[in-house]
PDB file of N, CA and C in Angstrom:
ATOM      1  N   MET A   1       0.459  13.407  -6.878  1.00  0.00           N
ATOM      2  CA  MET A   1       0.591  12.193  -7.560  1.00  0.00           C
ATOM      3  C   MET A   1       2.574  12.098  -7.164  1.00  0.00           C
ATOM      4  N   VAL A   2       2.646  10.694  -7.132  1.00  0.00           N
ATOM      5  CA  VAL A   2       4.339  10.657  -6.533  1.00  0.00           C
ATOM      6  C   VAL A   2       4.872   9.721  -8.206  1.00  0.00           C
ATOM      7  N   MET A   3       5.947  10.160  -9.063  1.00  0.00           N
ATOM      8  CA  MET A   3       6.311   9.611 -10.105  1.00  0.00           C
ATOM      9  C   MET A   3       7.996   9.198  -9.787  1.00  0.00           C
ATOM     10  N   ARG A   4       8.079   8.091 -10.590  1.00  0.00           N
ATOM     11  CA  ARG A   4       9.319   7.826 -10.115  1.00  0.00           C
ATOM     12  C   ARG A   4      10.004   7.554 -11.957  1.00  0.00           C
ATOM     13  N   VAL A   5      10.813   8.270 -11.589  1.00  0.00           N
ATOM     14  CA  VAL A   5      11.551   8.828 -13.234  1.00  0.00           C
ATOM     15  C   VAL A   5      13.395   8.003 -12.880  1.00  0.00           C
ATOM     16  N   SER A   6      14.092   7.699 -14.115  1.00  0.00           N
ATOM     17  CA  SER A   6      15.456   7.574 -13.876  1.00  0.00           C
ATOM     18  C   SER A   6      16.349   8.932 -13.543  1.00  0.00           C
ATOM     19  N   ASP A   7      17.279   8.434 -13.492  1.00  0.00           N
ATOM     20  CA  ASP A   7      18.340  10.260 -13.568  1.00  0.00           C
ATOM     21  C   ASP A   7      18.155   9.932 -14.444  1.00  0.00           C
ATOM     22  N   LEU A   8      18.484   9.247 -16.074  1.00  0.00           N
ATOM     23  CA  LEU A   8      18.741  10.142 -17.014  1.00  0.00           C
ATOM     24  C   LEU A   8      17.615  10.536 -17.662  1.00  0.00           C
ATOM     25  N   GLU A   9      16.181  10.312 -17.217  1.00  0.00           N
ATOM     26  CA  GLU A   9      15.056  10.742 -17.827  1.00  0.00           C
ATOM     27  C   GLU A   9      15.231  11.892 -17.358  1.00  0.00           C
ATOM     28  N   THR A  10      15.093  12.186 -15.608  1.00  0.00           N
ATOM     29  CA  THR A  10      15.257  13.416 -15.198  1.00  0.00           C
ATOM     30  C   THR A  10      15.972  14.469 -15.678  1.00  0.00           C
ATOM     31  N   LEU A  11      17.275  14.526 -16.291  1.00  0.00           N
ATOM     32  CA  LEU A  11      18.116  15.113 -17.032  1.00  0.00           C
ATOM     33  C   LEU A  11      17.257  15.933 -18.071  1.00  0.00           C
ATOM     34  N   HIS A  12      16.416  14.901 -19.027  1.00  0.00           N
ATOM     35  CA  HIS A  12      16.145  15.274 -19.922  1.00  0.00           C
ATOM     36  C   HIS A  12      15.113  16.013 -20.072  1.00  0.00           C
ATOM     37  N   LYS A  13      14.014  15.403 -18.825  1.00  0.00           N
ATOM     38  CA  LYS A  13      12.621  16.385 -18.662  1.00  0.00           C
ATOM     39  C   LYS A  13      12.751  17.130 -17.238  1.00  0.00           C
ATOM     40  N   ILE A  14      13.185  17.376 -17.196  1.00  0.00           N
ATOM     41  CA  ILE A  14      13.770  18.035 -15.648  1.00  0.00           C
ATOM     42  C   ILE A  14      12.402  19.603 -15.930  1.00  0.00           C
ATOM     43  N   SER A  15      12.817  19.807 -16.883  1.00  0.00           N
ATOM     44  CA  SER A  15      11.783  21.136 -17.566  1.00  0.00           C
ATOM     45  C   SER A  15      10.202  21.056 -17.297  1.00  0.00           C
ATOM     46  N   GLU A  16       9.755  19.931 -17.714  1.00  0.00           N
ATOM     47  CA  GLU A  16       8.588  19.004 -17.415  1.00  0.00           C
ATOM     48  C   GLU A  16       7.846  19.218 -16.332  1.00  0.00           C
ATOM     49  N   PHE A  17       9.310  18.456 -15.175  1.00  0.00           N
ATOM     50  CA  PHE A  17       8.643  17.748 -14.089  1.00  0.00           C
ATOM     51  C   PHE A  17       8.088  19.149 -13.133  1.00  0.00           C
ATOM     52  N   LEU A  18       9.576  20.179 -13.214  1.00  0.00           N
ATOM     53  CA  LEU A  18       9.188  21.435 -12.296  1.00  0.00           C
ATOM     54  C   LEU A  18       8.357  22.023 -11.969  1.00  0.00           C
ATOM     55  N   PRO A  19       7.261  21.889 -13.207  1.00  0.00           N
ATOM     56  CA  PRO A  19       5.936  22.739 -12.845  1.00  0.00           C
ATOM     57  C   PRO A  19       4.694  21.965 -12.269  1.00  0.00           C
ATOM     58  N   LYS A  20       4.967  20.489 -12.645  1.00  0.00           N
ATOM     59  CA  LYS A  20       4.391  19.726 -11.770  1.00  0.00           C
ATOM     60  C   LYS A  20       4.117  19.470 -10.284  1.00  0.00           C
ATOM     61  N   VAL A  21       5.788  19.709  -9.805  1.00  0.00           N
ATOM     62  CA  VAL A  21       6.015  19.629  -8.709  1.00  0.00           C
ATOM     63  C   VAL A  21       5.396  21.111  -7.570  1.00  0.00           C
ATOM     64  N   GLN A  22       5.522  22.394  -8.527  1.00  0.00           N
ATOM     65  CA  GLN A  22       5.548  23.517  -8.087  1.00  0.00           C
ATOM     66  C   GLN A  22       4.178  23.640  -8.038  1.00  0.00           C
ATOM     67  N   SER A  23       3.107  23.185  -8.910  1.00  0.00           N
ATOM     68  CA  SER A  23       1.438  23.696  -9.206  1.00  0.00           C
ATOM     69  C   SER A  23       1.055  21.953  -8.886  1.00  0.00           C
ATOM     70  N   ALA A  24       1.159  21.261  -8.844  1.00  0.00           N
ATOM     71  CA  ALA A  24      -0.122  20.110  -8.136  1.00  0.00           C
ATOM     72  C   ALA A  24       0.892  19.562  -7.097  1.00  0.00           C
ATOM     73  N   GLY A  25       1.777  19.975  -6.747  1.00  0.00           N
ATOM     74  CA  GLY A  25       2.215  19.105  -5.323  1.00  0.00           C
ATOM     75  C   GLY A  25       3.030  17.664  -5.816  1.00  0.00           C
ATOM     76  N   ASP A  26       2.745  17.945  -7.391  1.00  0.00           N
ATOM     77  CA  ASP A  26       3.538  16.032  -7.355  1.00  0.00           C
ATOM     78  C   ASP A  26       5.202  15.851  -6.523  1.00  0.00           C
ATOM     79  N   ARG A  27       5.648  14.412  -6.607  1.00  0.00           N
ATOM     80  CA  ARG A  27       6.305  14.243  -6.105  1.00  0.00           C
ATOM     81  C   ARG A  27       7.428  13.460  -7.116  1.00  0.00           C
ATOM     82  N   ILE A  28       8.943  13.845  -7.563  1.00  0.00           N
ATOM     83  CA  ILE A  28       9.353  13.107  -8.225  1.00  0.00           C
ATOM     84  C   ILE A  28      10.284  11.825  -7.341  1.00  0.00           C
ATOM     85  N   ILE A  29      10.570  10.763  -7.533  1.00  0.00           N
ATOM     86  CA  ILE A  29      11.289  10.042  -6.817  1.00  0.00           C
ATOM     87  C   ILE A  29      12.585   9.421  -8.348  1.00  0.00           C
ATOM     88  N   ILE A  30      13.814  10.207  -7.825  1.00  0.00           N
ATOM     89  CA  ILE A  30      15.127  10.120  -9.225  1.00  0.00           C
ATOM     90  C   ILE A  30      15.483   8.442  -8.593  1.00  0.00           C
ATOM     91  N   GLU A  31      15.190   7.806  -9.577  1.00  0.00           N
ATOM     92  CA  GLU A  31      16.169   6.225  -9.398  1.00  0.00           C
ATOM     93  C   GLU A  31      17.239   6.171 -10.411  1.00  0.00           C
ATOM     94  N   HIS A  32      18.607   5.692  -9.574  1.00  0.00           N
ATOM     95  CA  HIS A  32      19.670   5.367 -10.299  1.00  0.00           C
ATOM     96  C   HIS A  32      19.647   3.933 -10.169  1.00  0.00           C
ATOM     97  N   LEU A  33      19.829   3.206 -11.634  1.00  0.00           N
ATOM     98  CA  LEU A  33      19.632   1.567 -11.982  1.00  0.00           C
ATOM     99  C   LEU A  33      18.803   0.974 -11.205  1.00  0.00           C
ATOM    100  N   GLY A  34      17.389   1.644 -10.945  1.00  0.00           N
ATOM    101  CA  GLY A  34      16.572   1.221 -10.221  1.00  0.00           C
ATOM    102  C   GLY A  34      16.529   1.554  -9.299  1.00  0.00           C
ATOM    103  N   VAL A  35      17.388   1.915  -8.290  1.00  0.00           N
ATOM    104  CA  VAL A  35      17.027   2.204  -6.837  1.00  0.00           C
ATOM    105  C   VAL A  35      17.375   3.678  -6.435  1.00  0.00           C
ATOM    106  N   PRO A  36      15.928   4.140  -5.305  1.00  0.00           N
ATOM    107  CA  PRO A  36      15.962   5.324  -5.085  1.00  0.00           C
ATOM    108  C   PRO A  36      16.811   6.204  -4.527  1.00  0.00           C
ATOM    109  N   VAL A  37      17.635   7.309  -5.166  1.00  0.00           N
ATOM    110  CA  VAL A  37      18.121   7.751  -4.789  1.00  0.00           C
ATOM    111  C   VAL A  37      18.145   9.544  -3.988  1.00  0.00           C
ATOM    112  N   ALA A  38      16.875  10.060  -4.635  1.00  0.00           N
ATOM    113  CA  ALA A  38      16.653  11.365  -4.296  1.00  0.00           C
ATOM    114  C   ALA A  38      15.285  11.459  -4.337  1.00  0.00           C
ATOM    115  N   ALA A  39      14.690  12.904  -4.403  1.00  0.00           N
ATOM    116  CA  ALA A  39      13.150  13.150  -4.545  1.00  0.00           C
ATOM    117  C   ALA A  39      13.106  14.592  -4.624  1.00  0.00           C
ATOM    118  N   VAL A  40      12.749  15.016  -5.608  1.00  0.00           N
ATOM    119  CA  VAL A  40      12.036  16.298  -5.828  1.00  0.00           C
ATOM    120  C   VAL A  40      10.737  16.621  -4.986  1.00  0.00           C
ATOM    121  N   ILE A  41      10.435  17.773  -4.614  1.00  0.00           N
ATOM    122  CA  ILE A  41       9.472  18.098  -3.456  1.00  0.00           C
ATOM    123  C   ILE A  41       9.212  19.486  -4.008  1.00  0.00           C
ATOM    124  N   SER A  42       8.161  19.620  -3.493  1.00  0.00           N
ATOM    125  CA  SER A  42       7.875  21.872  -3.693  1.00  0.00           C
ATOM    126  C   SER A  42       8.241  22.170  -2.437  1.00  0.00           C
ATOM    127  N   ILE A  43       8.359  23.609  -2.620  1.00  0.00           N
ATOM    128  CA  ILE A  43       9.144  24.431  -1.483  1.00  0.00           C
ATOM    129  C   ILE A  43       8.408  23.891  -0.154  1.00  0.00           C
ATOM    130  N   GLN A  44       7.137  24.048  -0.200  1.00  0.00           N
ATOM    131  CA  GLN A  44       5.916  24.047   0.408  1.00  0.00           C
ATOM    132  C   GLN A  44       6.513  22.816   1.734  1.00  0.00           C
ATOM    133  N   ASP A  45       6.530  21.684   0.950  1.00  0.00           N
ATOM    134  CA  ASP A  45       6.474  20.402   1.622  1.00  0.00           C
ATOM    135  C   ASP A  45       8.281  20.003   2.313  1.00  0.00           C
ATOM    136  N   LEU A  46       8.913  20.897   1.757  1.00  0.00           N
ATOM    137  CA  LEU A  46       9.973  20.805   2.410  1.00  0.00           C
ATOM    138  C   LEU A  46      10.332  22.029   3.514  1.00  0.00           C
ATOM    139  N   ALA A  47       9.573  22.945   3.424  1.00  0.00           N
ATOM    140  CA  ALA A  47       8.923  23.883   4.457  1.00  0.00           C
ATOM    141  C   ALA A  47       8.221  22.840   5.958  1.00  0.00           C
ATOM    142  N   ARG A  48       7.476  22.321   5.312  1.00  0.00           N
ATOM    143  CA  ARG A  48       6.572  21.445   6.491  1.00  0.00           C
ATOM    144  C   ARG A  48       7.162  20.399   6.886  1.00  0.00           C
ATOM    145  N   LEU A  49       8.398  20.205   5.797  1.00  0.00           N
ATOM    146  CA  LEU A  49       9.496  18.676   6.684  1.00  0.00           C
ATOM    147  C   LEU A  49      10.291  19.081   7.806  1.00  0.00           C
ATOM    148  N   ASP A  50      11.126  20.722   7.052  1.00  0.00           N
ATOM    149  CA  ASP A  50      12.194  21.378   7.986  1.00  0.00           C
ATOM    150  C   ASP A  50      11.148  21.890   9.269  1.00  0.00           C
ATOM    151  N   ALA A  51       9.988  22.080   9.361  1.00  0.00           N
ATOM    152  CA  ALA A  51       9.031  22.650  10.807  1.00  0.00           C
ATOM    153  C   ALA A  51       9.040  21.239  11.766  1.00  0.00           C
ATOM    154  N   ARG A  52       9.153  20.389  10.941  1.00  0.00           N
ATOM    155  CA  ARG A  52       8.995  19.136  11.733  1.00  0.00           C
ATOM    156  C   ARG A  52      10.069  18.264  12.499  1.00  0.00           C
ATOM    157  N   ILE A  53      11.179  19.199  11.860  1.00  0.00           N
ATOM    158  CA  ILE A  53      12.408  18.445  12.221  1.00  0.00           C
ATOM    159  C   ILE A  53      13.116  19.717  13.315  1.00  0.00           C
ATOM    160  N   GLN A  54      12.943  19.162  14.266  1.00  0.00           N
ATOM    161  CA  GLN A  54      13.459  20.025  15.482  1.00  0.00           C
ATOM    162  C   GLN A  54      14.873  19.684  15.960  1.00  0.00           C
ATOM    163  N   PRO A  55      16.107  19.981  15.649  1.00  0.00           N
ATOM    164  CA  PRO A  55      17.652  19.616  16.337  1.00  0.00           C
ATOM    165  C   PRO A  55      17.913  19.513  17.278  1.00  0.00           C
ATOM    166  N   VAL A  56      18.325  18.776  17.776  1.00  0.00           N
ATOM    167  CA  VAL A  56      18.472  18.258  19.424  1.00  0.00           C
ATOM    168  C   VAL A  56      20.111  18.722  19.695  1.00  0.00           C
ATOM    169  N   SER A  57      20.136  19.998  20.830  1.00  0.00           N
ATOM    170  CA  SER A  57      21.453  20.554  21.354  1.00  0.00           C
ATOM    171  C   SER A  57      22.139  19.068  21.787  1.00  0.00           C
ATOM    172  N   LYS A  58      23.245  19.846  21.800  1.00  0.00           N
ATOM    173  CA  LYS A  58      24.757  18.701  22.155  1.00  0.00           C
ATOM    174  C   LYS A  58      24.078  18.296  24.070  1.00  0.00           C
ATOM    175  N   SER A  59      23.847  19.165  24.522  1.00  0.00           N
ATOM    176  CA  SER A  59      22.934  19.053  25.796  1.00  0.00           C
ATOM    177  C   SER A  59      22.102  18.338  25.840  1.00  0.00           C
ATOM    178  N   GLU A  60      21.343  17.990  25.122  1.00  0.00           N
ATOM    179  CA  GLU A  60      20.267  17.192  25.252  1.00  0.00           C
ATOM    180  C   GLU A  60      20.533  15.949  24.860  1.00  0.00           C
ATOM    181  N   ARG A  61      21.298  15.464  23.572  1.00  0.00           N
ATOM    182  CA  ARG A  61      22.388  14.169  23.122  1.00  0.00           C
ATOM    183  C   ARG A  61      22.679  14.067  24.314  1.00  0.00           C
ATOM    184  N   LEU A  62      23.538  14.409  25.209  1.00  0.00           N
ATOM    185  CA  LEU A  62      24.129  14.271  26.242  1.00  0.00           C
ATOM    186  C   LEU A  62      23.313  13.630  27.681  1.00  0.00           C
ATOM    187  N   ALA A  63      22.524  14.452  27.714  1.00  0.00           N
ATOM    188  CA  ALA A  63      21.095  13.599  28.591  1.00  0.00           C
ATOM    189  C   ALA A  63      20.885  12.631  28.425  1.00  0.00           C
ATOM    190  N   ALA A  64      20.476  12.321  27.202  1.00  0.00           N
ATOM    191  CA  ALA A  64      19.528  11.302  26.831  1.00  0.00           C
ATOM    192  C   ALA A  64      20.816  10.161  27.181  1.00  0.00           C
ATOM    193  N   LEU A  65      21.975  10.408  27.067  1.00  0.00           N
ATOM    194  CA  LEU A  65      23.274   9.292  27.081  1.00  0.00           C
ATOM    195  C   LEU A  65      22.986   9.148  28.605  1.00  0.00           C
ATOM    196  N   ALA A  66      22.977   9.952  29.509  1.00  0.00           N
ATOM    197  CA  ALA A  66      23.729   9.778  30.562  1.00  0.00           C
ATOM    198  C   ALA A  66      22.198   9.116  31.493  1.00  0.00           C
ATOM    199  N   ARG A  67      21.338   9.198  30.968  1.00  0.00           N
ATOM    200  CA  ARG A  67      19.630   8.480  31.047  1.00  0.00           C
ATOM    201  C   ARG A  67      19.947   7.097  30.616  1.00  0.00           C
ATOM    202  N   ALA A  68      20.602   6.683  29.304  1.00  0.00           N
ATOM    203  CA  ALA A  68      20.470   5.729  29.191  1.00  0.00           C
ATOM    204  C   ALA A  68      21.746   4.854  30.213  1.00  0.00           C
ATOM    205  N   ASP A  69      22.398   5.573  30.645  1.00  0.00           N
ATOM    206  CA  ASP A  69      23.558   4.690  31.219  1.00  0.00           C
ATOM    207  C   ASP A  69      23.353   4.674  32.500  1.00  0.00           C
ATOM    208  N   GLU A  70      22.350   5.322  33.056  1.00  0.00           N
ATOM    209  CA  GLU A  70      21.652   5.286  34.203  1.00  0.00           C
ATOM    210  C   GLU A  70      20.705   3.974  34.011  1.00  0.00           C
ATOM    211  N   LEU A  71      19.910   4.140  33.007  1.00  0.00           N
ATOM    212  CA  LEU A  71      18.996   2.989  32.975  1.00  0.00           C
ATOM    213  C   LEU A  71      19.555   1.630  33.042  1.00  0.00           C
ATOM    214  N   CYS A  72      20.773   1.364  32.228  1.00  0.00           N
ATOM    215  CA  CYS A  72      21.857  -0.069  31.997  1.00  0.00           C
ATOM    216  C   CYS A  72      21.862  -0.178  33.667  1.00  0.00           C
ATOM    217  N   GLN A  73      22.754   0.570  34.200  1.00  0.00           N
ATOM    218  CA  GLN A  73      23.113   0.091  35.246  1.00  0.00           C
ATOM    219  C   GLN A  73      22.038  -0.442  36.293  1.00  0.00           C
ATOM    220  N   GLN A  74      20.908   0.214  36.606  1.00  0.00           N
ATOM    221  CA  GLN A  74      19.499  -0.248  36.877  1.00  0.00           C
ATOM    222  C   GLN A  74      18.572  -1.527  36.621  1.00  0.00           C
ATOM    223  N   ILE A  75      18.978  -1.973  35.347  1.00  0.00           N
ATOM    224  CA  ILE A  75      19.047  -3.314  34.765  1.00  0.00           C
ATOM    225  C   ILE A  75      19.857  -4.236  35.687  1.00  0.00           C
ATOM    226  N   LEU A  76      20.851  -3.790  35.200  1.00  0.00           N
ATOM    227  CA  LEU A  76      22.443  -4.529  36.135  1.00  0.00           C
ATOM    228  C   LEU A  76      21.858  -4.786  37.285  1.00  0.00           C
ATOM    229  N   ALA A  77      21.605  -3.445  37.928  1.00  0.00           N
ATOM    230  CA  ALA A  77      21.269  -4.345  39.260  1.00  0.00           C
ATOM    231  C   ALA A  77      20.223  -5.436  39.641  1.00  0.00           C
ATOM    232  N   ARG A  78      19.342  -5.016  38.669  1.00  0.00           N
ATOM    233  CA  ARG A  78      17.597  -5.912  39.397  1.00  0.00           C
ATOM    234  C   ARG A  78      18.273  -7.272  38.698  1.00  0.00           C
ATOM    235  N   ARG A  79      19.549  -7.496  38.140  1.00  0.00           N
ATOM    236  CA  ARG A  79      19.863  -8.399  37.370  1.00  0.00           C
ATOM    237  C   ARG A  79      20.695  -9.591  38.284  1.00  0.00           C
ATOM    238  N   GLY A  80      21.230  -8.616  39.190  1.00  0.00           N
ATOM    239  CA  GLY A  80      22.207  -9.363  40.095  1.00  0.00           C
ATOM    240  C   GLY A  80      23.583  -9.081  39.301  1.00  0.00           C
ATOM    241  N   GLY A  81      24.031  -8.043  38.574  1.00  0.00           N
ATOM    242  CA  GLY A  81      25.037  -7.950  38.033  1.00  0.00           C
ATOM    243  C   GLY A  81      25.592  -8.895  37.059  1.00  0.00           C
ATOM    244  N   VAL A  82      24.160  -9.581  36.609  1.00  0.00           N
ATOM    245  CA  VAL A  82      24.209 -10.008  35.508  1.00  0.00           C
ATOM    246  C   VAL A  82      23.819  -9.584  34.087  1.00  0.00           C
ATOM    247  N   ALA A  83      24.975  -9.199  33.089  1.00  0.00           N
ATOM    248  CA  ALA A  83      24.889  -8.200  32.077  1.00  0.00           C
ATOM    249  C   ALA A  83      23.487  -9.023  31.276  1.00  0.00           C
ATOM    250  N   LEU A  84      22.754  -7.952  30.420  1.00  0.00           N
ATOM    251  CA  LEU A  84      22.046  -8.460  29.097  1.00  0.00           C
ATOM    252  C   LEU A  84      22.617  -9.303  28.279  1.00  0.00           C
ATOM    253  N   PRO A  85      22.419 -10.346  27.581  1.00  0.00           N
ATOM    254  CA  PRO A  85      23.106 -10.770  26.464  1.00  0.00           C
ATOM    255  C   PRO A  85      23.169  -9.850  25.433  1.00  0.00           C
ATOM    256  N   SER A  86      24.261  -9.740  24.191  1.00  0.00           N
ATOM    257  CA  SER A  86      24.099  -8.921  23.487  1.00  0.00           C
ATOM    258  C   SER A  86      23.285  -9.162  22.535  1.00  0.00           C
ATOM    259  N   SER A  87      22.721  -7.851  21.980  1.00  0.00           N
ATOM    260  CA  SER A  87      21.464  -7.800  20.768  1.00  0.00           C
ATOM    261  C   SER A  87      22.134  -8.358  19.900  1.00  0.00           C
ATOM    262  N   VAL A  88      23.556  -7.754  19.256  1.00  0.00           N
ATOM    263  CA  VAL A  88      23.852  -8.301  17.952  1.00  0.00           C
ATOM    264  C   VAL A  88      23.995  -9.696  17.875  1.00  0.00           C
ATOM    265  N   ASP A  89      24.233 -10.382  19.329  1.00  0.00           N
ATOM    266  CA  ASP A  89      25.030 -11.905  19.023  1.00  0.00           C
ATOM    267  C   ASP A  89      23.578 -12.516  18.971  1.00  0.00           C
ATOM    268  N   LEU A  90      22.517 -12.096  19.696  1.00  0.00           N
ATOM    269  CA  LEU A  90      21.053 -12.576  19.706  1.00  0.00           C
ATOM    270  C   LEU A  90      20.599 -12.590  18.084  1.00  0.00           C
ATOM    271  N   ILE A  91      20.484 -11.416  17.139  1.00  0.00           N
ATOM    272  CA  ILE A  91      20.231 -11.540  16.201  1.00  0.00           C
ATOM    273  C   ILE A  91      21.092 -12.465  15.070  1.00  0.00           C
ATOM    274  N   ALA A  92      22.244 -12.583  15.562  1.00  0.00           N
ATOM    275  CA  ALA A  92      23.388 -13.464  14.592  1.00  0.00           C
ATOM    276  C   ALA A  92      22.694 -15.118  14.615  1.00  0.00           C
ATOM    277  N   GLN A  93      22.538 -15.205  15.916  1.00  0.00           N
ATOM    278  CA  GLN A  93      22.056 -16.270  16.341  1.00  0.00           C
ATOM    279  C   GLN A  93      20.564 -16.900  15.473  1.00  0.00           C
ATOM    280  N   GLN A  94      19.907 -15.689  15.836  1.00  0.00           N
ATOM    281  CA  GLN A  94      18.425 -16.068  15.330  1.00  0.00           C
ATOM    282  C   GLN A  94      18.450 -16.286  13.325  1.00  0.00           C
ATOM    283  N   ARG A  95      19.492 -15.435  13.269  1.00  0.00           N
ATOM    284  CA  ARG A  95      19.839 -15.181  11.742  1.00  0.00           C
ATOM    285  C   ARG A  95      20.330 -17.008  10.930  1.00  0.00           C
ATOM    286  N   GLU A  96      21.114 -17.297  12.283  1.00  0.00           N
ATOM    287  CA  GLU A  96      21.997 -18.752  11.953  1.00  0.00           C
ATOM    288  C   GLU A  96      20.825 -19.929  11.925  1.00  0.00           C
ATOM    289  N   GLU A  97      20.008 -19.864  13.093  1.00  0.00           N
ATOM    290  CA  GLU A  97      19.173 -20.773  13.486  1.00  0.00           C
ATOM    291  C   GLU A  97      17.552 -20.789  11.921  1.00  0.00           C
ATOM    292  N   ARG A  98      17.566 -19.077  11.370  1.00  0.00           N
ATOM    293  CA  ARG A  98      16.664 -19.671  10.713  1.00  0.00           C
ATOM    294  C   ARG A  98      17.320 -20.005   9.271  1.00  0.00           C
ATOM    295  N   GLU A  99      18.475 -19.842   9.058  1.00  0.00           N
ATOM    296  CA  GLU A  99      19.210 -20.394   7.914  1.00  0.00           C
ATOM    297  C   GLU A  99      19.239 -21.932   8.200  1.00  0.00           C
ATOM    298  N   HIS A 100      19.317 -22.373   9.201  1.00  0.00           N
ATOM    299  CA  HIS A 100      19.567 -23.953   9.451  1.00  0.00           C
ATOM    300  C   HIS A 100      18.094 -24.299   8.702  1.00  0.00           C
ATOM    301  N   GLU A 101      16.733 -23.885   9.461  1.00  0.00           N
ATOM    302  CA  GLU A 101      15.868 -23.895   9.128  1.00  0.00           C
ATOM    303  C   GLU A 101      15.358 -24.406   7.425  1.00  0.00           C
ATOM    304  N   LEU A 102      15.722 -22.878   6.904  1.00  0.00           N
ATOM    305  CA  LEU A 102      15.755 -22.963   5.430  1.00  0.00           C
ATOM    306  C   LEU A 102      16.164 -23.856   4.516  1.00  0.00           C
ATOM    307  N   ASN A 103      17.348 -23.934   5.100  1.00  0.00           N
ATOM    308  CA  ASN A 103      18.344 -25.100   4.406  1.00  0.00           C
ATOM    309  C   ASN A 103      17.993 -26.481   4.639  1.00  0.00           C
ATOM    310  N   SER A 104      17.000 -26.889   5.821  1.00  0.00           N
ATOM    311  CA  SER A 104      16.541 -28.207   5.668  1.00  0.00           C
ATOM    312  C   SER A 104      15.589 -28.762   5.221  1.00  0.00           C
ATOM    313  N   LEU A 105      14.907 -27.394   4.518  1.00  0.00           N
ATOM    314  CA  LEU A 105      13.508 -27.224   3.701  1.00  0.00           C
ATOM    315  C   LEU A 105      14.007 -28.169   1.896  1.00  0.00           C
ATOM    316  N   HIS A 106      15.211 -27.736   2.056  1.00  0.00           N
ATOM    317  CA  HIS A 106      15.364 -28.251   1.002  1.00  0.00           C
ATOM    318  C   HIS A 106      16.103 -29.751   0.397  1.00  0.00           C
TER     319      HIS A 106
END
């Protein structure tokens, strides 16, 4: 079961929450001003999460960046040296168009 509680409620009731987390596998989502900021999970759930996360070595990260650069060069070559438009610019343009559409509805 997942419970949502405020940070203040957590302070007052943590001793009630911990046995539920430990024995029943409940999860507690702690909110601050209505925004989720943290979670309390069992140590078993944490171990499962840690087992899924495999750190990437610096050499692997550098190899991935080199591959990305290589792909960019291939795309550029296929396009005759013409770069793809900036994703940031495309998204900004789409937002402006959408805002214009929404504003024209009023």
